[in-house]
Structure formats: structure tokens, C-alpha cells
Amino acid sequence: MTTPRDLLITTLDVASSHLPEQGDLSLALAGGELIDLLNARAAGLDGDRVVPDGSGAVDDHLLNEASAALARQAPYESVEDWLWRRGRGLAAVYLAALKSEGEITWRRRSRWAPFGSSRAVLTDTPARRSARERRTSDEPVLASLGTAIGIRDQERRQDQRDQRLESPPDVADEAVETVLATVHNAVRDLEAERQRRSIEDAAFDNIWRGQ
């Protein structure tokens, strides 16, 4: 399994009742893809620039799509630009992939729920067990991506005794650390933009009401 798949399965496993914002999740998935490409030597970093590397190969069709989407000409693309471009709508892409592979099913919340009100339910598969093992072992990359989208906060609320969840473990690889830091910054920037728009919308509503 790949990091993005493990992250999405973990998200559905831990936060099925309160999923992260799709934009946040999409950014984290794009970061997971890039980390897998770095580890497979299908890409490298030159500073904060993502440089394609033909010496590596990946055995996953979505990672192959990610590899093919890398900018091929200098000055190449920054990690931040990659996250925003590749991440657009990526959560829906991975959800569709997991559904087609039998990893999840869609279930109506209740027979009285409005049309389209459904949730993704994980099936008991080796992929789910593998992702759970990676999560419970506190593997640094998955832990950091989970922190970025609030999954570890939800785990901590579920078990206040688990002190491991206070902060993700350190990552030894500098390039991977760069990607993770950029994911965290991008998610924070997206949340700040949501808050700004919310304030502007509230101000507009007040003006409309004459307040």
C-alpha cells in the first residue's frame, strides 16, 4: 500500500464521524504521494523544487499518475505549488479508487436521510489491517500527515491515556521533512483562508441586514 492510501484508510478508520475538510485531506494526500515518489527515487528535491528522477519506479497507478504530472522543465515546481496543483480534488480521486478496489462501501446514514447523505465504510481487508498497523506503530510520516489534518487530535480524544499522540515522532530524512512541513503550512494557510472568507461573509450578511 502507499502512503496516500494508508492515510485515507486511517482517516476513515479514526474519523468516520467527523472527517477533515476535503481540501485539507487532498493537500495531505498530495504530500503523501510526493513522499512515496521521493522514497521510490522517482523524484528528488533540489532545495524546495521537485525534480523528476527516471531512476526509480512505482507500482501503483495513482502514484504513476502523480509521477507523470511532475513538471519536467527547470526551474521545476516548488513543493508548495505541487501540493496545491496536484491536491485539487485528490481526496475524491482516492475515495473512488478505494471504492473500485473494494476497500470501502457507501452506506446511507439512515433511511430518512436526504438523497446523497451517505458515508464511506471500510471493509475488513489486508489493506485496512496494514494501514492500522502503520498507524498504531506511530510511523513518523503517517503520524505527521495525520497531525496536519487533525486525525491524531481525534485519536487523543478517544484515548486520553495515549501520551504518544502528543506530537508526531521525528522524521530522519531531510527531503521528507521538507514535504511534511510544507503540508502543515499549506493546511494552515487553507484554514486561514476559510476563516477570512467566513468573516467576510458574516460582514456582508450584517450589511445586508442593515446592522
N, C-alpha and C. Protein backbone atom coordinates (compact mmCIF):
# COMPACT_ATOMS: atom_id res chain seq x y z
N MET A 1 0.84 -1.20 0.00
CA MET A 1 0.00 0.00 0.00
C MET A 1 0.87 1.25 0.00
N THR A 2 0.28 2.35 -0.41
CA THR A 2 1.00 3.61 -0.50
C THR A 2 0.63 4.50 0.68
N THR A 3 1.42 5.54 0.89
CA THR A 3 1.14 6.47 1.97
C THR A 3 -0.22 7.16 1.81
N PRO A 4 -0.58 7.66 0.61
CA PRO A 4 -1.91 8.27 0.49
C PRO A 4 -3.05 7.31 0.80
N ARG A 5 -2.93 6.08 0.34
CA ARG A 5 -3.99 5.10 0.62
C ARG A 5 -4.07 4.82 2.12
N ASP A 6 -2.90 4.64 2.75
CA ASP A 6 -2.89 4.39 4.19
C ASP A 6 -3.47 5.58 4.94
N LEU A 7 -3.17 6.80 4.48
CA LEU A 7 -3.69 7.99 5.14
C LEU A 7 -5.21 8.06 5.02
N LEU A 8 -5.74 7.79 3.84
CA LEU A 8 -7.18 7.86 3.66
C LEU A 8 -7.88 6.77 4.46
N ILE A 9 -7.33 5.56 4.45
CA ILE A 9 -7.92 4.48 5.24
C ILE A 9 -7.89 4.83 6.73
N THR A 10 -6.77 5.38 7.19
CA THR A 10 -6.65 5.79 8.58
C THR A 10 -7.68 6.86 8.92
N THR A 11 -7.85 7.81 8.01
CA THR A 11 -8.81 8.89 8.22
C THR A 11 -10.21 8.33 8.38
N LEU A 12 -10.59 7.41 7.51
CA LEU A 12 -11.92 6.81 7.58
C LEU A 12 -12.07 5.94 8.81
N ASP A 13 -10.97 5.31 9.23
CA ASP A 13 -11.00 4.42 10.39
C ASP A 13 -11.15 5.21 11.68
N VAL A 14 -10.41 6.31 11.79
CA VAL A 14 -10.36 7.08 13.03
C VAL A 14 -11.46 8.12 13.09
N ALA A 15 -11.72 8.76 11.97
CA ALA A 15 -12.58 9.95 11.97
C ALA A 15 -13.82 9.77 11.12
N SER A 16 -14.39 8.59 11.11
CA SER A 16 -15.52 8.33 10.22
C SER A 16 -16.72 9.23 10.51
N SER A 17 -16.85 9.66 11.77
CA SER A 17 -17.99 10.50 12.11
C SER A 17 -17.70 11.99 11.98
N HIS A 18 -16.42 12.34 11.83
CA HIS A 18 -16.07 13.76 11.71
C HIS A 18 -14.83 13.86 10.82
N LEU A 19 -15.06 13.79 9.52
CA LEU A 19 -13.95 13.78 8.56
C LEU A 19 -13.35 15.17 8.42
N PRO A 20 -12.05 15.24 8.10
CA PRO A 20 -11.42 16.54 7.86
C PRO A 20 -12.02 17.22 6.64
N GLU A 21 -11.75 18.50 6.51
CA GLU A 21 -12.12 19.21 5.29
C GLU A 21 -11.46 18.54 4.09
N GLN A 22 -12.21 18.41 2.99
CA GLN A 22 -11.66 17.73 1.82
C GLN A 22 -10.41 18.41 1.30
N GLY A 23 -10.37 19.74 1.38
CA GLY A 23 -9.18 20.45 0.92
C GLY A 23 -7.96 20.08 1.74
N ASP A 24 -8.11 20.01 3.07
CA ASP A 24 -7.01 19.62 3.93
C ASP A 24 -6.54 18.21 3.59
N LEU A 25 -7.50 17.29 3.46
CA LEU A 25 -7.16 15.91 3.17
C LEU A 25 -6.48 15.80 1.81
N SER A 26 -6.95 16.54 0.82
CA SER A 26 -6.35 16.49 -0.51
C SER A 26 -4.90 16.97 -0.50
N LEU A 27 -4.62 18.03 0.26
CA LEU A 27 -3.24 18.51 0.38
C LEU A 27 -2.35 17.44 1.02
N ALA A 28 -2.85 16.80 2.07
CA ALA A 28 -2.07 15.77 2.74
C ALA A 28 -1.85 14.56 1.84
N LEU A 29 -2.85 14.20 1.05
CA LEU A 29 -2.70 13.09 0.12
C LEU A 29 -1.64 13.40 -0.93
N ALA A 30 -1.65 14.63 -1.43
CA ALA A 30 -0.63 15.04 -2.41
C ALA A 30 0.76 14.98 -1.78
N GLY A 31 0.85 15.39 -0.52
CA GLY A 31 2.12 15.28 0.18
C GLY A 31 2.57 13.84 0.34
N GLY A 32 1.62 12.96 0.66
CA GLY A 32 1.94 11.54 0.77
C GLY A 32 2.43 10.96 -0.55
N GLU A 33 1.81 11.37 -1.64
CA GLU A 33 2.26 10.92 -2.96
C GLU A 33 3.70 11.34 -3.21
N LEU A 34 4.00 12.61 -2.92
CA LEU A 34 5.34 13.10 -3.19
C LEU A 34 6.37 12.37 -2.33
N ILE A 35 6.04 12.10 -1.09
CA ILE A 35 6.96 11.36 -0.22
C ILE A 35 7.22 9.96 -0.78
N ASP A 36 6.18 9.30 -1.26
CA ASP A 36 6.37 7.97 -1.86
C ASP A 36 7.23 8.05 -3.12
N LEU A 37 7.05 9.10 -3.90
CA LEU A 37 7.88 9.27 -5.10
C LEU A 37 9.34 9.53 -4.72
N LEU A 38 9.55 10.28 -3.66
CA LEU A 38 10.92 10.50 -3.19
C LEU A 38 11.55 9.19 -2.72
N ASN A 39 10.79 8.42 -1.95
CA ASN A 39 11.31 7.15 -1.43
C ASN A 39 11.58 6.15 -2.54
N ALA A 40 10.78 6.22 -3.62
CA ALA A 40 10.98 5.30 -4.75
C ALA A 40 12.02 5.82 -5.73
N ARG A 41 12.59 6.99 -5.43
CA ARG A 41 13.56 7.66 -6.31
C ARG A 41 12.98 7.96 -7.69
N ALA A 42 11.67 8.19 -7.70
CA ALA A 42 11.03 8.67 -8.93
C ALA A 42 11.03 10.19 -8.97
N ALA A 43 11.45 10.81 -7.86
CA ALA A 43 11.58 12.27 -7.78
C ALA A 43 12.60 12.59 -6.71
N GLY A 44 13.10 13.80 -6.76
CA GLY A 44 14.02 14.28 -5.75
C GLY A 44 13.75 15.74 -5.48
N LEU A 45 14.39 16.28 -4.46
CA LEU A 45 14.25 17.70 -4.15
C LEU A 45 15.58 18.40 -4.35
N ASP A 46 15.50 19.55 -5.01
CA ASP A 46 16.63 20.45 -5.12
C ASP A 46 16.22 21.72 -4.39
N GLY A 47 16.59 21.82 -3.12
CA GLY A 47 16.01 22.85 -2.27
C GLY A 47 14.56 22.52 -2.02
N ASP A 48 13.68 23.42 -2.46
CA ASP A 48 12.25 23.11 -2.34
C ASP A 48 11.63 22.80 -3.70
N ARG A 49 12.46 22.53 -4.69
CA ARG A 49 11.97 22.23 -6.04
C ARG A 49 11.90 20.73 -6.25
N VAL A 50 10.80 20.28 -6.86
CA VAL A 50 10.58 18.86 -7.12
C VAL A 50 11.16 18.51 -8.48
N VAL A 51 12.18 17.65 -8.47
CA VAL A 51 12.88 17.30 -9.70
C VAL A 51 12.55 15.86 -10.08
N PRO A 52 11.97 15.62 -11.25
CA PRO A 52 11.69 14.24 -11.68
C PRO A 52 12.98 13.43 -11.77
N ASP A 53 12.88 12.15 -11.43
CA ASP A 53 14.04 11.26 -11.46
C ASP A 53 13.61 9.96 -12.12
N GLY A 54 14.17 9.68 -13.27
CA GLY A 54 13.77 8.48 -14.01
C GLY A 54 14.38 7.20 -13.51
N SER A 55 15.22 7.27 -12.46
CA SER A 55 15.89 6.06 -11.99
C SER A 55 15.02 5.18 -11.12
N GLY A 56 13.89 5.73 -10.65
CA GLY A 56 13.00 4.95 -9.80
C GLY A 56 11.70 4.60 -10.49
N ALA A 57 11.00 3.65 -9.92
CA ALA A 57 9.71 3.22 -10.47
C ALA A 57 8.73 2.96 -9.34
N VAL A 58 7.46 3.15 -9.61
CA VAL A 58 6.42 2.91 -8.61
C VAL A 58 5.41 1.92 -9.18
N ASP A 59 4.84 1.13 -8.28
CA ASP A 59 3.91 0.09 -8.69
C ASP A 59 2.51 0.41 -8.16
N ASP A 60 1.99 1.55 -8.59
CA ASP A 60 0.65 1.97 -8.18
C ASP A 60 0.16 2.96 -9.22
N HIS A 61 -1.05 2.77 -9.72
CA HIS A 61 -1.47 3.58 -10.86
C HIS A 61 -1.67 5.04 -10.49
N LEU A 62 -2.09 5.33 -9.25
CA LEU A 62 -2.25 6.72 -8.86
C LEU A 62 -0.90 7.39 -8.64
N LEU A 63 0.07 6.66 -8.11
CA LEU A 63 1.41 7.22 -7.99
C LEU A 63 2.04 7.41 -9.36
N ASN A 64 1.75 6.51 -10.29
CA ASN A 64 2.23 6.71 -11.65
C ASN A 64 1.63 7.97 -12.28
N GLU A 65 0.36 8.21 -11.99
CA GLU A 65 -0.26 9.45 -12.47
C GLU A 65 0.42 10.66 -11.84
N ALA A 66 0.73 10.55 -10.56
CA ALA A 66 1.41 11.65 -9.87
C ALA A 66 2.79 11.89 -10.48
N SER A 67 3.50 10.81 -10.74
CA SER A 67 4.83 10.93 -11.34
C SER A 67 4.75 11.58 -12.72
N ALA A 68 3.77 11.17 -13.50
CA ALA A 68 3.61 11.74 -14.85
C ALA A 68 3.22 13.21 -14.79
N ALA A 69 2.64 13.65 -13.67
CA ALA A 69 2.18 15.03 -13.55
C ALA A 69 3.29 15.98 -13.10
N LEU A 70 4.46 15.45 -12.74
CA LEU A 70 5.55 16.31 -12.28
C LEU A 70 6.00 17.24 -13.41
N ALA A 71 6.31 18.47 -13.04
CA ALA A 71 6.87 19.42 -14.02
C ALA A 71 8.21 18.91 -14.52
N ARG A 72 8.43 18.93 -15.82
CA ARG A 72 9.62 18.32 -16.41
C ARG A 72 10.69 19.31 -16.84
N GLN A 73 10.43 20.58 -16.67
CA GLN A 73 11.40 21.57 -17.13
C GLN A 73 11.80 22.49 -15.98
N ALA A 74 13.09 22.88 -15.97
CA ALA A 74 13.58 23.83 -14.98
C ALA A 74 12.86 25.17 -15.16
N PRO A 75 12.61 25.90 -14.10
CA PRO A 75 13.10 25.70 -12.72
C PRO A 75 12.28 24.71 -11.91
N TYR A 76 11.49 23.90 -12.55
CA TYR A 76 10.64 22.91 -11.91
C TYR A 76 9.60 23.58 -11.00
N GLU A 77 9.04 22.83 -10.12
CA GLU A 77 7.91 23.29 -9.33
C GLU A 77 8.26 23.18 -7.85
N SER A 78 7.85 24.16 -7.06
CA SER A 78 8.10 24.07 -5.63
C SER A 78 7.18 23.02 -5.01
N VAL A 79 7.57 22.54 -3.84
CA VAL A 79 6.73 21.57 -3.14
C VAL A 79 5.36 22.17 -2.87
N GLU A 80 5.32 23.43 -2.47
CA GLU A 80 4.04 24.09 -2.18
C GLU A 80 3.16 24.14 -3.42
N ASP A 81 3.73 24.53 -4.55
CA ASP A 81 2.95 24.59 -5.79
C ASP A 81 2.43 23.22 -6.18
N TRP A 82 3.27 22.20 -5.98
CA TRP A 82 2.86 20.83 -6.28
C TRP A 82 1.65 20.43 -5.43
N LEU A 83 1.70 20.73 -4.15
CA LEU A 83 0.60 20.36 -3.26
C LEU A 83 -0.71 20.98 -3.72
N TRP A 84 -0.67 22.28 -4.04
CA TRP A 84 -1.91 22.95 -4.44
C TRP A 84 -2.41 22.46 -5.80
N ARG A 85 -1.50 22.20 -6.72
CA ARG A 85 -1.93 21.76 -8.05
C ARG A 85 -2.38 20.31 -8.04
N ARG A 86 -1.55 19.44 -7.54
CA ARG A 86 -1.89 18.01 -7.53
C ARG A 86 -3.02 17.71 -6.56
N GLY A 87 -3.09 18.49 -5.48
CA GLY A 87 -4.09 18.21 -4.45
C GLY A 87 -5.51 18.56 -4.83
N ARG A 88 -5.69 19.34 -5.86
CA ARG A 88 -7.05 19.78 -6.22
C ARG A 88 -7.96 18.59 -6.52
N GLY A 89 -8.92 18.33 -5.64
CA GLY A 89 -9.88 17.24 -5.84
C GLY A 89 -9.31 15.85 -5.59
N LEU A 90 -8.11 15.75 -4.99
CA LEU A 90 -7.45 14.45 -4.88
C LEU A 90 -8.14 13.50 -3.91
N ALA A 91 -8.79 14.04 -2.87
CA ALA A 91 -9.49 13.17 -1.93
C ALA A 91 -10.58 12.36 -2.64
N ALA A 92 -11.32 13.02 -3.53
CA ALA A 92 -12.38 12.31 -4.27
C ALA A 92 -11.79 11.24 -5.17
N VAL A 93 -10.62 11.50 -5.75
CA VAL A 93 -9.96 10.52 -6.62
C VAL A 93 -9.59 9.27 -5.82
N TYR A 94 -9.03 9.46 -4.66
CA TYR A 94 -8.64 8.31 -3.85
C TYR A 94 -9.84 7.57 -3.27
N LEU A 95 -10.88 8.30 -2.90
CA LEU A 95 -12.09 7.63 -2.45
C LEU A 95 -12.67 6.74 -3.54
N ALA A 96 -12.70 7.25 -4.77
CA ALA A 96 -13.21 6.46 -5.89
C ALA A 96 -12.34 5.23 -6.13
N ALA A 97 -11.02 5.40 -5.99
CA ALA A 97 -10.12 4.26 -6.20
C ALA A 97 -10.34 3.19 -5.14
N LEU A 98 -10.46 3.59 -3.88
CA LEU A 98 -10.69 2.61 -2.82
C LEU A 98 -12.03 1.90 -2.99
N LYS A 99 -13.03 2.65 -3.46
CA LYS A 99 -14.33 2.02 -3.70
C LYS A 99 -14.23 0.98 -4.81
N SER A 100 -13.55 1.33 -5.91
CA SER A 100 -13.44 0.41 -7.04
C SER A 100 -12.64 -0.83 -6.68
N GLU A 101 -11.76 -0.71 -5.70
CA GLU A 101 -10.93 -1.85 -5.29
C GLU A 101 -11.57 -2.64 -4.15
N GLY A 102 -12.77 -2.25 -3.74
CA GLY A 102 -13.48 -2.99 -2.71
C GLY A 102 -13.02 -2.69 -1.29
N GLU A 103 -12.26 -1.59 -1.10
CA GLU A 103 -11.78 -1.24 0.23
C GLU A 103 -12.85 -0.52 1.05
N ILE A 104 -13.77 0.16 0.37
CA ILE A 104 -14.84 0.86 1.07
C ILE A 104 -16.16 0.63 0.35
N THR A 105 -17.23 0.81 1.09
CA THR A 105 -18.58 0.84 0.51
C THR A 105 -19.25 2.12 1.00
N TRP A 106 -20.32 2.50 0.30
CA TRP A 106 -21.06 3.69 0.70
C TRP A 106 -22.35 3.26 1.37
N ARG A 107 -22.63 3.82 2.52
CA ARG A 107 -23.80 3.44 3.29
C ARG A 107 -24.62 4.68 3.63
N ARG A 108 -25.94 4.58 3.42
CA ARG A 108 -26.82 5.68 3.81
C ARG A 108 -26.80 5.80 5.33
N ARG A 109 -26.79 7.06 5.83
CA ARG A 109 -26.76 7.27 7.27
C ARG A 109 -28.05 6.77 7.92
N SER A 110 -29.18 6.93 7.26
CA SER A 110 -30.44 6.36 7.72
C SER A 110 -31.41 6.39 6.56
N ARG A 111 -32.48 5.62 6.68
CA ARG A 111 -33.42 5.60 5.56
C ARG A 111 -34.19 6.91 5.47
N TRP A 112 -34.11 7.75 6.52
CA TRP A 112 -34.79 9.05 6.48
C TRP A 112 -33.86 10.17 6.03
N ALA A 113 -32.59 9.81 5.78
CA ALA A 113 -31.62 10.85 5.39
C ALA A 113 -31.95 11.35 3.98
N PRO A 114 -31.63 12.59 3.70
CA PRO A 114 -31.89 13.12 2.36
C PRO A 114 -31.04 12.43 1.32
N PHE A 115 -31.44 12.52 0.08
CA PHE A 115 -30.72 11.88 -1.01
C PHE A 115 -29.26 12.33 -1.02
N GLY A 116 -28.37 11.37 -1.16
CA GLY A 116 -26.95 11.68 -1.24
C GLY A 116 -26.26 11.76 0.11
N SER A 117 -27.01 11.67 1.20
CA SER A 117 -26.40 11.73 2.52
C SER A 117 -25.92 10.32 2.90
N SER A 118 -24.66 10.06 2.61
CA SER A 118 -24.11 8.73 2.87
C SER A 118 -22.70 8.89 3.39
N ARG A 119 -22.13 7.79 3.87
CA ARG A 119 -20.77 7.83 4.39
C ARG A 119 -20.00 6.62 3.89
N ALA A 120 -18.68 6.79 3.82
CA ALA A 120 -17.82 5.70 3.38
C ALA A 120 -17.54 4.78 4.57
N VAL A 121 -17.70 3.48 4.34
CA VAL A 121 -17.48 2.48 5.38
C VAL A 121 -16.38 1.54 4.92
N LEU A 122 -15.35 1.38 5.75
CA LEU A 122 -14.24 0.50 5.40
C LEU A 122 -14.65 -0.96 5.50
N THR A 123 -14.15 -1.77 4.59
CA THR A 123 -14.32 -3.21 4.68
C THR A 123 -13.09 -3.81 5.35
N ASP A 124 -13.23 -5.00 5.86
CA ASP A 124 -12.12 -5.64 6.57
C ASP A 124 -11.22 -6.32 5.55
N THR A 125 -10.14 -5.66 5.18
CA THR A 125 -9.24 -6.15 4.15
C THR A 125 -7.80 -6.10 4.66
N PRO A 126 -6.88 -6.79 3.98
CA PRO A 126 -5.47 -6.68 4.35
C PRO A 126 -4.95 -5.25 4.30
N ALA A 127 -5.45 -4.45 3.36
CA ALA A 127 -5.02 -3.05 3.27
C ALA A 127 -5.40 -2.27 4.51
N ARG A 128 -6.60 -2.51 5.02
CA ARG A 128 -7.03 -1.82 6.24
C ARG A 128 -6.18 -2.25 7.42
N ARG A 129 -5.90 -3.54 7.52
CA ARG A 129 -5.09 -4.02 8.64
C ARG A 129 -3.66 -3.49 8.55
N SER A 130 -3.14 -3.40 7.33
CA SER A 130 -1.79 -2.87 7.14
C SER A 130 -1.72 -1.40 7.54
N ALA A 131 -2.72 -0.62 7.13
CA ALA A 131 -2.76 0.80 7.49
C ALA A 131 -2.88 0.97 9.00
N ARG A 132 -3.67 0.10 9.63
CA ARG A 132 -3.84 0.20 11.08
C ARG A 132 -2.54 -0.13 11.80
N GLU A 133 -1.82 -1.12 11.30
CA GLU A 133 -0.52 -1.45 11.90
C GLU A 133 0.45 -0.28 11.76
N ARG A 134 0.43 0.36 10.62
CA ARG A 134 1.31 1.51 10.41
C ARG A 134 0.94 2.65 11.35
N ARG A 135 -0.36 2.83 11.56
CA ARG A 135 -0.80 3.90 12.46
C ARG A 135 -0.46 3.58 13.91
N THR A 136 -0.75 2.38 14.36
CA THR A 136 -0.52 2.04 15.76
C THR A 136 0.97 1.96 16.11
N SER A 137 1.81 1.74 15.09
CA SER A 137 3.26 1.74 15.34
C SER A 137 3.81 3.16 15.39
N ASP A 138 2.94 4.16 15.14
CA ASP A 138 3.33 5.57 15.14
C ASP A 138 4.41 5.86 14.11
N GLU A 139 4.25 5.29 12.93
CA GLU A 139 5.21 5.54 11.85
C GLU A 139 5.25 7.04 11.57
N PRO A 140 6.44 7.65 11.51
CA PRO A 140 6.55 9.11 11.51
C PRO A 140 5.81 9.83 10.38
N VAL A 141 5.90 9.34 9.15
CA VAL A 141 5.28 10.04 8.04
C VAL A 141 3.76 10.05 8.19
N LEU A 142 3.17 8.88 8.42
CA LEU A 142 1.72 8.81 8.57
C LEU A 142 1.27 9.61 9.79
N ALA A 143 2.05 9.56 10.86
CA ALA A 143 1.72 10.31 12.07
C ALA A 143 1.72 11.81 11.80
N SER A 144 2.71 12.30 11.08
CA SER A 144 2.79 13.73 10.79
C SER A 144 1.66 14.19 9.88
N LEU A 145 1.36 13.40 8.85
CA LEU A 145 0.25 13.76 7.96
C LEU A 145 -1.07 13.72 8.72
N GLY A 146 -1.22 12.75 9.61
CA GLY A 146 -2.42 12.69 10.43
C GLY A 146 -2.57 13.89 11.34
N THR A 147 -1.44 14.36 11.88
CA THR A 147 -1.46 15.56 12.71
C THR A 147 -1.90 16.77 11.89
N ALA A 148 -1.41 16.86 10.66
CA ALA A 148 -1.73 18.01 9.81
C ALA A 148 -3.23 18.16 9.58
N ILE A 149 -3.95 17.05 9.48
CA ILE A 149 -5.38 17.11 9.18
C ILE A 149 -6.25 16.83 10.42
N GLY A 150 -5.61 16.75 11.60
CA GLY A 150 -6.36 16.63 12.84
C GLY A 150 -6.73 15.22 13.24
N ILE A 151 -6.22 14.20 12.56
CA ILE A 151 -6.59 12.83 12.90
C ILE A 151 -6.04 12.44 14.26
N ARG A 152 -4.79 12.82 14.54
CA ARG A 152 -4.21 12.46 15.84
C ARG A 152 -4.93 13.16 16.99
N ASP A 153 -5.47 14.34 16.75
CA ASP A 153 -6.26 15.00 17.78
C ASP A 153 -7.49 14.17 18.12
N GLN A 154 -8.10 13.60 17.10
CA GLN A 154 -9.28 12.77 17.35
C GLN A 154 -8.90 11.49 18.08
N GLU A 155 -7.75 10.90 17.71
CA GLU A 155 -7.28 9.72 18.43
C GLU A 155 -7.04 10.05 19.90
N ARG A 156 -6.45 11.22 20.15
CA ARG A 156 -6.14 11.61 21.53
C ARG A 156 -7.43 11.77 22.33
N ARG A 157 -8.45 12.34 21.72
CA ARG A 157 -9.72 12.48 22.42
C ARG A 157 -10.35 11.13 22.71
N GLN A 158 -10.12 10.17 21.83
CA GLN A 158 -10.67 8.84 22.03
C GLN A 158 -9.96 8.10 23.16
N ASP A 159 -8.67 8.38 23.34
CA ASP A 159 -7.90 7.72 24.38
C ASP A 159 -6.94 8.72 25.01
N GLN A 160 -7.38 9.39 26.08
CA GLN A 160 -6.57 10.42 26.71
C GLN A 160 -5.32 9.85 27.36
N ARG A 161 -5.28 8.54 27.53
CA ARG A 161 -4.12 7.94 28.19
C ARG A 161 -2.95 7.75 27.25
N ASP A 162 -3.17 7.85 25.94
CA ASP A 162 -2.11 7.57 24.97
C ASP A 162 -1.24 8.80 24.79
N GLN A 163 -0.16 8.88 25.57
CA GLN A 163 0.71 10.05 25.52
C GLN A 163 1.52 10.12 24.23
N ARG A 164 1.64 9.04 23.48
CA ARG A 164 2.38 9.07 22.23
C ARG A 164 1.79 10.07 21.25
N LEU A 165 0.53 10.38 21.43
CA LEU A 165 -0.15 11.21 20.45
C LEU A 165 0.05 12.70 20.70
N GLU A 166 0.85 13.07 21.69
CA GLU A 166 1.07 14.48 21.96
C GLU A 166 1.74 15.17 20.77
N SER A 167 2.69 14.51 20.15
CA SER A 167 3.36 15.09 18.98
C SER A 167 3.88 13.96 18.13
N PRO A 168 3.93 14.14 16.80
CA PRO A 168 4.42 13.06 15.94
C PRO A 168 5.91 12.85 16.14
N PRO A 169 6.39 11.63 15.91
CA PRO A 169 7.83 11.37 16.04
C PRO A 169 8.61 12.08 14.95
N ASP A 170 9.90 12.24 15.19
CA ASP A 170 10.76 12.94 14.23
C ASP A 170 10.96 12.11 12.97
N VAL A 171 11.18 12.83 11.87
CA VAL A 171 11.48 12.20 10.58
C VAL A 171 12.95 12.44 10.27
N ALA A 172 13.67 11.37 9.93
CA ALA A 172 15.12 11.48 9.74
C ALA A 172 15.50 12.08 8.39
N ASP A 173 14.71 11.83 7.36
CA ASP A 173 15.05 12.25 6.01
C ASP A 173 14.72 13.74 5.81
N GLU A 174 15.70 14.53 5.38
CA GLU A 174 15.51 15.97 5.24
C GLU A 174 14.49 16.32 4.16
N ALA A 175 14.53 15.61 3.04
CA ALA A 175 13.58 15.89 1.96
C ALA A 175 12.16 15.58 2.40
N VAL A 176 11.98 14.45 3.05
CA VAL A 176 10.65 14.09 3.55
C VAL A 176 10.18 15.10 4.58
N GLU A 177 11.08 15.54 5.43
CA GLU A 177 10.73 16.56 6.43
C GLU A 177 10.28 17.85 5.76
N THR A 178 10.94 18.22 4.67
CA THR A 178 10.55 19.42 3.93
C THR A 178 9.12 19.30 3.40
N VAL A 179 8.80 18.14 2.84
CA VAL A 179 7.44 17.93 2.32
C VAL A 179 6.42 18.00 3.45
N LEU A 180 6.70 17.34 4.57
CA LEU A 180 5.76 17.34 5.69
C LEU A 180 5.54 18.75 6.23
N ALA A 181 6.62 19.50 6.37
CA ALA A 181 6.49 20.88 6.87
C ALA A 181 5.65 21.71 5.91
N THR A 182 5.82 21.50 4.63
CA THR A 182 5.06 22.26 3.63
C THR A 182 3.59 21.88 3.67
N VAL A 183 3.29 20.60 3.90
CA VAL A 183 1.89 20.16 4.05
C VAL A 183 1.26 20.88 5.23
N HIS A 184 1.94 20.89 6.36
CA HIS A 184 1.40 21.55 7.55
C HIS A 184 1.13 23.03 7.28
N ASN A 185 2.06 23.70 6.62
CA ASN A 185 1.89 25.13 6.31
C ASN A 185 0.72 25.35 5.36
N ALA A 186 0.60 24.48 4.36
CA ALA A 186 -0.48 24.63 3.38
C ALA A 186 -1.85 24.43 4.03
N VAL A 187 -1.96 23.46 4.92
CA VAL A 187 -3.23 23.23 5.61
C VAL A 187 -3.57 24.42 6.49
N ARG A 188 -2.57 24.99 7.17
CA ARG A 188 -2.82 26.18 7.98
C ARG A 188 -3.25 27.36 7.11
N ASP A 189 -2.60 27.51 5.96
CA ASP A 189 -2.98 28.60 5.05
C ASP A 189 -4.41 28.43 4.55
N LEU A 190 -4.79 27.18 4.27
CA LEU A 190 -6.15 26.94 3.79
C LEU A 190 -7.17 27.24 4.88
N GLU A 191 -6.86 26.87 6.11
CA GLU A 191 -7.77 27.17 7.21
C GLU A 191 -7.87 28.68 7.43
N ALA A 192 -6.76 29.39 7.31
CA ALA A 192 -6.80 30.86 7.44
C ALA A 192 -7.66 31.47 6.35
N GLU A 193 -7.57 30.93 5.15
CA GLU A 193 -8.40 31.44 4.04
C GLU A 193 -9.87 31.17 4.31
N ARG A 194 -10.19 30.00 4.85
CA ARG A 194 -11.58 29.69 5.17
C ARG A 194 -12.11 30.66 6.23
N GLN A 195 -11.29 30.94 7.23
CA GLN A 195 -11.72 31.86 8.28
C GLN A 195 -11.91 33.27 7.74
N ARG A 196 -11.00 33.69 6.85
CA ARG A 196 -11.13 35.02 6.25
C ARG A 196 -12.43 35.14 5.47
N ARG A 197 -12.74 34.11 4.68
CA ARG A 197 -13.97 34.15 3.90
C ARG A 197 -15.19 34.13 4.80
N SER A 198 -15.11 33.38 5.89
CA SER A 198 -16.23 33.31 6.82
C SER A 198 -16.50 34.68 7.44
N ILE A 199 -15.41 35.38 7.80
CA ILE A 199 -15.56 36.72 8.38
C ILE A 199 -16.14 37.68 7.35
N GLU A 200 -15.66 37.59 6.10
CA GLU A 200 -16.17 38.47 5.06
C GLU A 200 -17.64 38.18 4.78
N ASP A 201 -18.00 36.90 4.77
CA ASP A 201 -19.41 36.55 4.53
C ASP A 201 -20.29 37.07 5.65
N ALA A 202 -19.79 36.94 6.90
CA ALA A 202 -20.58 37.43 8.04
C ALA A 202 -20.74 38.94 7.97
N ALA A 203 -19.67 39.64 7.58
CA ALA A 203 -19.75 41.09 7.46
C ALA A 203 -20.75 41.50 6.37
N PHE A 204 -20.73 40.76 5.26
CA PHE A 204 -21.67 41.05 4.17
C PHE A 204 -23.10 40.82 4.64
N ASP A 205 -23.35 39.75 5.40
CA ASP A 205 -24.69 39.47 5.90
C ASP A 205 -25.17 40.60 6.82
N ASN A 206 -24.24 41.11 7.63
CA ASN A 206 -24.62 42.21 8.53
C ASN A 206 -24.99 43.45 7.75
N ILE A 207 -24.21 43.74 6.71
CA ILE A 207 -24.53 44.90 5.86
C ILE A 207 -25.90 44.71 5.19
N TRP A 208 -26.14 43.50 4.70
CA TRP A 208 -27.40 43.20 4.02
C TRP A 208 -28.59 43.38 4.95
N ARG A 209 -28.37 43.03 6.24
CA ARG A 209 -29.46 43.18 7.21
C ARG A 209 -29.55 44.60 7.75
N GLY A 210 -28.58 45.47 7.38
CA GLY A 210 -28.58 46.84 7.84
C GLY A 210 -28.04 47.01 9.23
N GLN A 211 -27.23 46.04 9.69
CA GLN A 211 -26.68 46.11 11.05
C GLN A 211 -25.35 46.87 11.03
